[in-house]
Structure formats: structure tokens, C-alpha cells
């Protein structure tokens, strides 16, 4: 646990709850940037592995990311 930790998300649009990411990985307006493990509050070591496997499928074109209106 870290005290005094402040997350700087640059100019990514956020809400009161933080940043919204599709599958907790990709922002719908910035599909060329991925956040790995950002929303993992419980420290589950399998979480980032699952995100990485999903992201490789997105990069290879096997999984399509829906548009913002979908």
C-alpha cells in the first residue's frame, strides 16, 4: 500500500470515479494506448495476464473493439 499516491492521467478524460476503460484496458477515444493493471485494486496476479492475452488478440485483429455508441 502506498500513501500519498496520486495517479496522473495526463489529459485523458475522467469521471468522478476515475478513468473509464473498455475491459479496464483501452479508452474508447485512444485505442492505441493500453493500461495494464490500472484498475486491479486486489493485487490479483492473474489479472494482468488475462489483460495481456486479451490485448494480444486485439492487436492481432482477432477481437474487435466496439465503437463508443455500441
C-alpha atoms as a PDB file:
ATOM      1  CA  UNK A   1       0.000   0.000   0.000  1.00  0.00           C
ATOM      2  CA  UNK A   2       1.205   3.472  -0.810  1.00  0.00           C
ATOM      3  CA  UNK A   3       0.156   6.609   0.991  1.00  0.00           C
ATOM      4  CA  UNK A   4       0.026   9.912  -0.783  1.00  0.00           C
ATOM      5  CA  UNK A   5      -0.102   8.202  -4.194  1.00  0.00           C
ATOM      6  CA  UNK A   6      -1.657  10.397  -6.852  1.00  0.00           C
ATOM      7  CA  UNK A   7      -2.349   8.994 -10.301  1.00  0.00           C
ATOM      8  CA  UNK A   8      -1.642  11.413 -13.143  1.00  0.00           C
ATOM      9  CA  UNK A   9      -3.639  10.502 -16.241  1.00  0.00           C
ATOM     10  CA  UNK A  10      -2.342  13.417 -18.317  1.00  0.00           C
ATOM     11  CA  UNK A  11      -5.269  14.687 -20.408  1.00  0.00           C
ATOM     12  CA  UNK A  12      -7.336  11.512 -20.506  1.00  0.00           C
ATOM     13  CA  UNK A  13     -11.000  12.269 -19.822  1.00  0.00           C
ATOM     14  CA  UNK A  14     -12.031  11.070 -16.362  1.00  0.00           C
ATOM     15  CA  UNK A  15     -15.175  10.916 -14.267  1.00  0.00           C
ATOM     16  CA  UNK A  16     -15.597  11.220 -10.512  1.00  0.00           C
ATOM     17  CA  UNK A  17     -14.821   7.505 -10.330  1.00  0.00           C
ATOM     18  CA  UNK A  18     -11.625   7.746 -12.394  1.00  0.00           C
ATOM     19  CA  UNK A  19     -10.942   6.795 -15.979  1.00  0.00           C
ATOM     20  CA  UNK A  20     -13.362   4.580 -17.911  1.00  0.00           C
ATOM     21  CA  UNK A  21     -11.629   1.879 -19.924  1.00  0.00           C
ATOM     22  CA  UNK A  22     -13.126  -0.833 -22.101  1.00  0.00           C
ATOM     23  CA  UNK A  23     -12.321  -4.107 -20.366  1.00  0.00           C
ATOM     24  CA  UNK A  24     -10.300  -1.993 -17.936  1.00  0.00           C
ATOM     25  CA  UNK A  25      -7.609  -1.690 -20.594  1.00  0.00           C
ATOM     26  CA  UNK A  26      -8.402   0.617 -23.554  1.00  0.00           C
ATOM     27  CA  UNK A  27     -10.059   4.046 -23.642  1.00  0.00           C
ATOM     28  CA  UNK A  28     -12.588   4.339 -26.495  1.00  0.00           C
ATOM     29  CA  UNK A  29     -11.082   7.617 -27.737  1.00  0.00           C
ATOM     30  CA  UNK A  30      -7.446   6.460 -27.539  1.00  0.00           C
ATOM     31  CA  UNK A  31      -7.381   2.919 -28.922  1.00  0.00           C
ATOM     32  CA  UNK A  32      -3.631   2.989 -29.483  1.00  0.00           C
ATOM     33  CA  UNK A  33      -2.907   3.264 -25.717  1.00  0.00           C
ATOM     34  CA  UNK A  34      -3.446   0.410 -23.259  1.00  0.00           C
ATOM     35  CA  UNK A  35      -3.427   0.467 -19.465  1.00  0.00           C
ATOM     36  CA  UNK A  36      -2.405  -2.800 -17.874  1.00  0.00           C
ATOM     37  CA  UNK A  37      -3.350  -3.449 -14.247  1.00  0.00           C
ATOM     38  CA  UNK A  38      -4.629   0.069 -13.642  1.00  0.00           C
ATOM     39  CA  UNK A  39      -7.918  -0.990 -12.057  1.00  0.00           C
ATOM     40  CA  UNK A  40      -6.605  -4.015 -10.170  1.00  0.00           C
ATOM     41  CA  UNK A  41      -7.131  -2.970  -6.555  1.00  0.00           C
ATOM     42  CA  UNK A  42      -6.939  -6.503  -5.150  1.00  0.00           C
ATOM     43  CA  UNK A  43      -3.483  -7.344  -6.482  1.00  0.00           C
ATOM     44  CA  UNK A  44      -4.582 -10.491  -8.300  1.00  0.00           C
ATOM     45  CA  UNK A  45      -1.505 -11.703 -10.211  1.00  0.00           C
ATOM     46  CA  UNK A  46      -3.656 -13.356 -12.894  1.00  0.00           C
ATOM     47  CA  UNK A  47      -5.445 -10.117 -13.765  1.00  0.00           C
ATOM     48  CA  UNK A  48      -2.629  -8.559 -15.794  1.00  0.00           C
ATOM     49  CA  UNK A  49      -2.041 -11.883 -17.546  1.00  0.00           C
ATOM     50  CA  UNK A  50      -5.665 -12.029 -18.638  1.00  0.00           C
ATOM     51  CA  UNK A  51      -5.472  -8.433 -19.845  1.00  0.00           C
ATOM     52  CA  UNK A  52      -2.289  -9.209 -21.803  1.00  0.00           C
ATOM     53  CA  UNK A  53      -3.858 -12.245 -23.511  1.00  0.00           C
ATOM     54  CA  UNK A  54      -6.929 -10.218 -24.466  1.00  0.00           C
ATOM     55  CA  UNK A  55      -4.806  -7.313 -25.700  1.00  0.00           C
ATOM     56  CA  UNK A  56      -2.716  -9.578 -27.946  1.00  0.00           C
ATOM     57  CA  UNK A  57      -5.934 -10.758 -29.591  1.00  0.00           C
ATOM     58  CA  UNK A  58      -6.962  -7.137 -30.150  1.00  0.00           C
ATOM     59  CA  UNK A  59      -3.566  -6.273 -31.669  1.00  0.00           C
ATOM     60  CA  UNK A  60      -3.676  -9.325 -33.955  1.00  0.00           C
ATOM     61  CA  UNK A  61      -7.188  -8.386 -35.109  1.00  0.00           C
ATOM     62  CA  UNK A  62      -8.913 -11.437 -33.618  1.00  0.00           C
ATOM     63  CA  UNK A  63     -11.043  -9.281 -31.304  1.00  0.00           C
ATOM     64  CA  UNK A  64     -12.768  -6.096 -32.473  1.00  0.00           C
ATOM     65  CA  UNK A  65     -13.265  -3.226 -30.079  1.00  0.00           C
ATOM     66  CA  UNK A  66     -16.792  -1.811 -30.322  1.00  0.00           C
ATOM     67  CA  UNK A  67     -17.348   1.855 -31.067  1.00  0.00           C
ATOM     68  CA  UNK A  68     -18.331   4.309 -28.381  1.00  0.00           C
ATOM     69  CA  UNK A  69     -22.020   4.130 -29.352  1.00  0.00           C
ATOM     70  CA  UNK A  70     -22.200   0.322 -29.295  1.00  0.00           C
END
